[in-house]
């Protein structure tokens, strides 16, 4: 039988984190930044094995869509944690993380 644990997102908007588990294997759906947080800091990580240090039972993190309240804490995961997302989401997150250049800045 599969187990679902909503760590965040059921009683507030933003900061979504849902853990799915079956037979000891786990996936996390979203690891979002709470809307009232100014920046991603380790103290905002939910109490889920594998988000602070590697855990072999955590198979990876699935991103539902590229809004900060769904992916904003993913950069704090251990580097070895597999991330699963669509190609468009990956491009959007990469573009948002890239530093602005003078060629991409609009000046009026």
N, C-alpha and C. Protein backbone atom coordinates (compact mmCIF):
# COMPACT_ATOMS: atom_id res chain seq x y z
N UNK A 1 0.83 -1.17 0.00
CA UNK A 1 0.00 0.00 0.00
C UNK A 1 0.88 1.24 0.00
N UNK A 2 0.52 2.22 -0.78
CA UNK A 2 1.25 3.47 -0.85
C UNK A 2 0.82 4.40 0.28
N UNK A 3 1.77 5.18 0.76
CA UNK A 3 1.51 6.18 1.80
C UNK A 3 1.79 7.56 1.23
N UNK A 4 0.97 8.52 1.60
CA UNK A 4 1.13 9.91 1.18
C UNK A 4 1.17 10.76 2.43
N UNK A 5 2.20 11.64 2.49
CA UNK A 5 2.30 12.56 3.62
C UNK A 5 2.48 13.97 3.06
N UNK A 6 1.52 14.84 3.36
CA UNK A 6 1.62 16.23 2.95
C UNK A 6 2.34 16.98 4.06
N UNK A 7 3.61 17.31 3.81
CA UNK A 7 4.41 18.01 4.82
C UNK A 7 4.06 19.49 4.86
N UNK A 8 3.80 20.06 3.68
CA UNK A 8 3.40 21.48 3.59
C UNK A 8 2.56 21.65 2.35
N UNK A 9 1.62 22.57 2.44
CA UNK A 9 0.79 22.89 1.29
C UNK A 9 -0.68 22.58 1.47
N UNK A 10 -1.03 21.89 2.53
CA UNK A 10 -2.44 21.56 2.75
C UNK A 10 -3.17 22.69 3.48
N UNK A 11 -2.46 23.40 4.36
CA UNK A 11 -3.10 24.43 5.17
C UNK A 11 -2.56 25.82 4.88
N UNK A 12 -1.73 25.94 3.86
CA UNK A 12 -1.21 27.24 3.45
C UNK A 12 -0.93 27.20 1.95
N UNK A 13 -0.81 28.37 1.38
CA UNK A 13 -0.45 28.45 -0.04
C UNK A 13 1.06 28.60 -0.11
N UNK A 14 1.67 27.75 -0.89
CA UNK A 14 3.11 27.83 -1.09
C UNK A 14 3.88 26.89 -0.19
N UNK A 15 5.13 26.68 -0.56
CA UNK A 15 5.98 25.80 0.22
C UNK A 15 5.60 24.33 0.09
N UNK A 16 5.01 23.98 -1.01
CA UNK A 16 4.48 22.64 -1.21
C UNK A 16 5.56 21.56 -1.06
N UNK A 17 5.23 20.50 -0.32
CA UNK A 17 6.10 19.33 -0.18
C UNK A 17 5.23 18.13 0.17
N UNK A 18 5.19 17.17 -0.73
CA UNK A 18 4.39 15.96 -0.54
C UNK A 18 5.31 14.76 -0.70
N UNK A 19 5.29 13.86 0.27
CA UNK A 19 6.12 12.66 0.24
C UNK A 19 5.26 11.44 -0.09
N UNK A 20 5.71 10.68 -1.07
CA UNK A 20 5.03 9.45 -1.49
C UNK A 20 5.95 8.28 -1.15
N UNK A 21 5.40 7.23 -0.52
CA UNK A 21 6.21 6.10 -0.10
C UNK A 21 5.49 4.79 -0.39
N UNK A 22 6.22 3.84 -0.88
CA UNK A 22 5.69 2.48 -1.04
C UNK A 22 6.83 1.50 -0.87
N UNK A 23 6.64 0.53 0.00
CA UNK A 23 7.62 -0.51 0.26
C UNK A 23 9.00 0.06 0.58
N UNK A 24 9.04 1.18 1.29
CA UNK A 24 10.30 1.77 1.71
C UNK A 24 10.95 2.69 0.70
N UNK A 25 10.47 2.71 -0.53
CA UNK A 25 10.99 3.62 -1.56
C UNK A 25 10.15 4.89 -1.55
N UNK A 26 10.84 6.05 -1.64
CA UNK A 26 10.12 7.31 -1.50
C UNK A 26 10.41 8.26 -2.64
N UNK A 27 9.44 9.10 -2.95
CA UNK A 27 9.57 10.23 -3.88
C UNK A 27 9.00 11.45 -3.18
N UNK A 28 9.55 12.60 -3.51
CA UNK A 28 8.98 13.85 -3.03
C UNK A 28 8.40 14.59 -4.23
N UNK A 29 7.19 15.06 -4.09
CA UNK A 29 6.55 15.88 -5.11
C UNK A 29 6.65 17.32 -4.63
N UNK A 30 7.46 18.09 -5.30
CA UNK A 30 7.71 19.51 -5.02
C UNK A 30 8.47 19.71 -3.71
N UNK A 31 9.27 20.75 -3.70
CA UNK A 31 10.00 21.17 -2.51
C UNK A 31 10.07 22.68 -2.58
N UNK A 32 8.93 23.30 -2.28
CA UNK A 32 8.75 24.72 -2.54
C UNK A 32 9.13 25.65 -1.41
N UNK A 33 9.40 26.87 -1.80
CA UNK A 33 9.71 27.95 -0.87
C UNK A 33 8.39 28.52 -0.35
N UNK A 34 8.21 28.58 0.97
CA UNK A 34 6.99 29.19 1.49
C UNK A 34 6.86 30.64 1.00
N UNK A 35 5.65 31.07 0.72
CA UNK A 35 5.44 32.40 0.17
C UNK A 35 5.88 33.52 1.10
N UNK A 36 5.88 33.28 2.40
CA UNK A 36 6.29 34.32 3.33
C UNK A 36 7.79 34.31 3.63
N UNK A 37 8.55 33.44 2.97
CA UNK A 37 10.01 33.38 3.17
C UNK A 37 10.71 34.32 2.19
N UNK A 38 11.73 35.00 2.68
CA UNK A 38 12.47 35.92 1.82
C UNK A 38 13.48 35.20 0.95
N UNK A 39 14.08 34.11 1.48
CA UNK A 39 15.07 33.36 0.72
C UNK A 39 15.08 31.91 1.18
N UNK A 40 15.67 31.06 0.35
CA UNK A 40 15.76 29.63 0.67
C UNK A 40 16.89 29.41 1.67
N UNK A 41 16.54 28.94 2.85
CA UNK A 41 17.53 28.63 3.88
C UNK A 41 17.26 27.22 4.41
N UNK A 42 18.29 26.53 4.87
CA UNK A 42 18.11 25.15 5.33
C UNK A 42 17.06 24.97 6.42
N UNK A 43 16.84 25.98 7.24
CA UNK A 43 15.84 25.83 8.30
C UNK A 43 14.42 25.70 7.76
N UNK A 44 14.22 26.03 6.49
CA UNK A 44 12.90 25.91 5.87
C UNK A 44 12.63 24.52 5.30
N UNK A 45 13.68 23.68 5.24
CA UNK A 45 13.47 22.33 4.71
C UNK A 45 12.56 21.53 5.63
N UNK A 46 11.62 20.80 5.06
CA UNK A 46 10.71 20.00 5.89
C UNK A 46 11.45 18.81 6.51
N UNK A 47 10.89 18.22 7.55
CA UNK A 47 11.53 17.09 8.22
C UNK A 47 11.34 15.78 7.44
N UNK A 48 12.04 15.69 6.32
CA UNK A 48 11.94 14.53 5.44
C UNK A 48 13.34 13.95 5.26
N UNK A 49 13.50 12.65 5.52
CA UNK A 49 14.80 12.01 5.32
C UNK A 49 15.24 12.19 3.87
N UNK A 50 16.49 12.63 3.71
CA UNK A 50 17.05 12.77 2.38
C UNK A 50 17.10 14.19 1.86
N UNK A 51 16.47 15.15 2.52
CA UNK A 51 16.52 16.52 2.01
C UNK A 51 17.73 17.29 2.54
N UNK A 52 18.30 16.85 3.65
CA UNK A 52 19.50 17.51 4.19
C UNK A 52 20.77 16.71 3.89
N UNK A 53 20.65 15.42 3.89
CA UNK A 53 21.78 14.54 3.58
C UNK A 53 21.24 13.36 2.78
N UNK A 54 22.09 12.76 1.95
CA UNK A 54 21.61 11.67 1.08
C UNK A 54 20.97 10.54 1.87
N UNK A 55 19.93 9.97 1.29
CA UNK A 55 19.23 8.83 1.87
C UNK A 55 18.86 7.92 0.70
N UNK A 56 19.36 6.69 0.69
CA UNK A 56 19.11 5.81 -0.46
C UNK A 56 17.64 5.46 -0.70
N UNK A 57 16.79 5.65 0.31
CA UNK A 57 15.37 5.34 0.10
C UNK A 57 14.66 6.46 -0.66
N UNK A 58 15.27 7.65 -0.74
CA UNK A 58 14.69 8.75 -1.50
C UNK A 58 15.12 8.61 -2.96
N UNK A 59 14.19 8.24 -3.81
CA UNK A 59 14.49 8.00 -5.22
C UNK A 59 14.64 9.29 -6.01
N UNK A 60 14.09 10.39 -5.52
CA UNK A 60 14.21 11.66 -6.21
C UNK A 60 13.09 12.61 -5.86
N UNK A 61 13.16 13.79 -6.48
CA UNK A 61 12.17 14.83 -6.29
C UNK A 61 11.55 15.16 -7.65
N UNK A 62 10.24 15.15 -7.69
CA UNK A 62 9.48 15.46 -8.91
C UNK A 62 8.94 16.88 -8.80
N UNK A 63 9.16 17.67 -9.82
CA UNK A 63 8.65 19.04 -9.84
C UNK A 63 7.36 19.08 -10.66
N UNK A 64 6.28 19.57 -10.05
CA UNK A 64 5.01 19.65 -10.76
C UNK A 64 5.00 20.78 -11.77
N UNK A 65 5.56 21.94 -11.38
CA UNK A 65 5.65 23.07 -12.29
C UNK A 65 6.62 24.10 -11.71
N UNK A 66 7.20 24.95 -12.56
CA UNK A 66 8.31 25.80 -12.12
C UNK A 66 7.92 27.13 -11.47
N UNK A 67 7.17 27.08 -10.42
CA UNK A 67 6.92 28.26 -9.59
C UNK A 67 7.74 28.10 -8.31
N UNK A 68 8.25 29.21 -7.77
CA UNK A 68 9.11 29.16 -6.58
C UNK A 68 8.46 28.42 -5.41
N UNK A 69 7.15 28.55 -5.28
CA UNK A 69 6.50 27.88 -4.15
C UNK A 69 6.40 26.37 -4.34
N UNK A 70 6.91 25.87 -5.49
CA UNK A 70 6.96 24.43 -5.74
C UNK A 70 8.39 23.91 -5.91
N UNK A 71 9.35 24.80 -6.23
CA UNK A 71 10.73 24.33 -6.42
C UNK A 71 11.77 25.15 -5.66
N UNK A 72 11.37 26.16 -4.93
CA UNK A 72 12.31 27.11 -4.35
C UNK A 72 13.33 26.56 -3.37
N UNK A 73 13.10 25.38 -2.79
CA UNK A 73 14.07 24.79 -1.87
C UNK A 73 14.88 23.67 -2.50
N UNK A 74 14.62 23.34 -3.75
CA UNK A 74 15.32 22.23 -4.40
C UNK A 74 16.83 22.44 -4.47
N UNK A 75 17.26 23.70 -4.57
CA UNK A 75 18.70 23.95 -4.68
C UNK A 75 19.45 23.60 -3.40
N UNK A 76 18.72 23.39 -2.30
CA UNK A 76 19.34 23.01 -1.03
C UNK A 76 19.50 21.50 -0.87
N UNK A 77 18.95 20.73 -1.79
CA UNK A 77 19.05 19.27 -1.72
C UNK A 77 20.49 18.82 -1.91
N UNK A 78 20.84 17.64 -1.38
CA UNK A 78 22.15 17.09 -1.69
C UNK A 78 22.32 16.97 -3.21
N UNK A 79 23.50 17.24 -3.71
CA UNK A 79 23.76 17.24 -5.17
C UNK A 79 23.43 15.90 -5.81
N UNK A 80 23.49 14.82 -5.05
CA UNK A 80 23.25 13.49 -5.60
C UNK A 80 21.76 13.15 -5.75
N UNK A 81 20.88 14.02 -5.28
CA UNK A 81 19.44 13.74 -5.34
C UNK A 81 18.93 13.91 -6.77
N UNK A 82 18.35 12.87 -7.36
CA UNK A 82 17.78 13.01 -8.70
C UNK A 82 16.58 13.96 -8.71
N UNK A 83 16.53 14.82 -9.71
CA UNK A 83 15.41 15.74 -9.91
C UNK A 83 14.71 15.37 -11.20
N UNK A 84 13.38 15.35 -11.18
CA UNK A 84 12.59 15.01 -12.35
C UNK A 84 11.65 16.16 -12.67
N UNK A 85 11.74 16.67 -13.90
CA UNK A 85 10.88 17.77 -14.34
C UNK A 85 10.85 17.76 -15.85
N UNK A 86 9.90 18.45 -16.41
CA UNK A 86 9.81 18.57 -17.85
C UNK A 86 10.89 19.49 -18.39
N UNK A 87 11.14 19.38 -19.69
CA UNK A 87 12.18 20.18 -20.34
C UNK A 87 11.90 21.68 -20.23
N UNK A 88 10.65 22.07 -20.39
CA UNK A 88 10.30 23.50 -20.29
C UNK A 88 10.55 24.01 -18.88
N UNK A 89 10.20 23.23 -17.87
CA UNK A 89 10.44 23.63 -16.48
C UNK A 89 11.94 23.79 -16.23
N UNK A 90 12.73 22.89 -16.76
CA UNK A 90 14.18 22.98 -16.59
C UNK A 90 14.73 24.26 -17.22
N UNK A 91 14.24 24.60 -18.40
CA UNK A 91 14.69 25.83 -19.07
C UNK A 91 14.28 27.08 -18.28
N UNK A 92 13.07 27.09 -17.76
CA UNK A 92 12.57 28.24 -17.00
C UNK A 92 13.40 28.44 -15.73
N UNK A 93 13.68 27.37 -15.02
CA UNK A 93 14.46 27.46 -13.78
C UNK A 93 15.88 27.90 -14.09
N UNK A 94 16.47 27.36 -15.15
CA UNK A 94 17.84 27.75 -15.53
C UNK A 94 17.89 29.22 -15.92
N UNK A 95 16.90 29.69 -16.67
CA UNK A 95 16.87 31.09 -17.09
C UNK A 95 16.70 32.02 -15.88
N UNK A 96 15.88 31.62 -14.93
CA UNK A 96 15.66 32.44 -13.74
C UNK A 96 16.91 32.51 -12.87
N UNK A 97 17.72 31.45 -12.88
CA UNK A 97 18.92 31.41 -12.06
C UNK A 97 20.11 32.11 -12.71
N UNK A 98 20.06 32.31 -14.03
CA UNK A 98 21.17 32.91 -14.75
C UNK A 98 21.25 34.40 -14.42
N UNK A 99 22.47 34.91 -14.26
CA UNK A 99 22.60 36.35 -13.99
C UNK A 99 22.19 37.16 -15.21
N UNK A 100 21.59 38.30 -14.96
CA UNK A 100 21.17 39.18 -16.05
C UNK A 100 22.39 39.75 -16.73
N UNK A 101 22.33 39.89 -18.03
CA UNK A 101 23.41 40.50 -18.80
C UNK A 101 22.90 41.79 -19.41
N UNK A 102 23.80 42.64 -19.83
CA UNK A 102 23.37 43.91 -20.41
C UNK A 102 22.56 43.68 -21.68
N UNK A 103 22.81 42.59 -22.39
CA UNK A 103 22.06 42.29 -23.62
C UNK A 103 20.61 41.91 -23.31
N UNK A 104 20.35 41.39 -22.12
CA UNK A 104 19.00 40.96 -21.80
C UNK A 104 18.24 41.98 -20.97
N UNK A 105 18.89 43.06 -20.61
CA UNK A 105 18.23 44.08 -19.79
C UNK A 105 17.51 45.08 -20.68
N UNK A 106 16.33 45.47 -20.28
CA UNK A 106 15.57 46.46 -21.02
C UNK A 106 15.81 47.80 -20.38
N UNK A 107 16.23 48.75 -21.18
CA UNK A 107 16.49 50.09 -20.68
C UNK A 107 15.54 51.05 -21.36
N UNK A 108 14.90 51.90 -20.58
CA UNK A 108 13.97 52.84 -21.19
C UNK A 108 14.45 54.26 -21.01
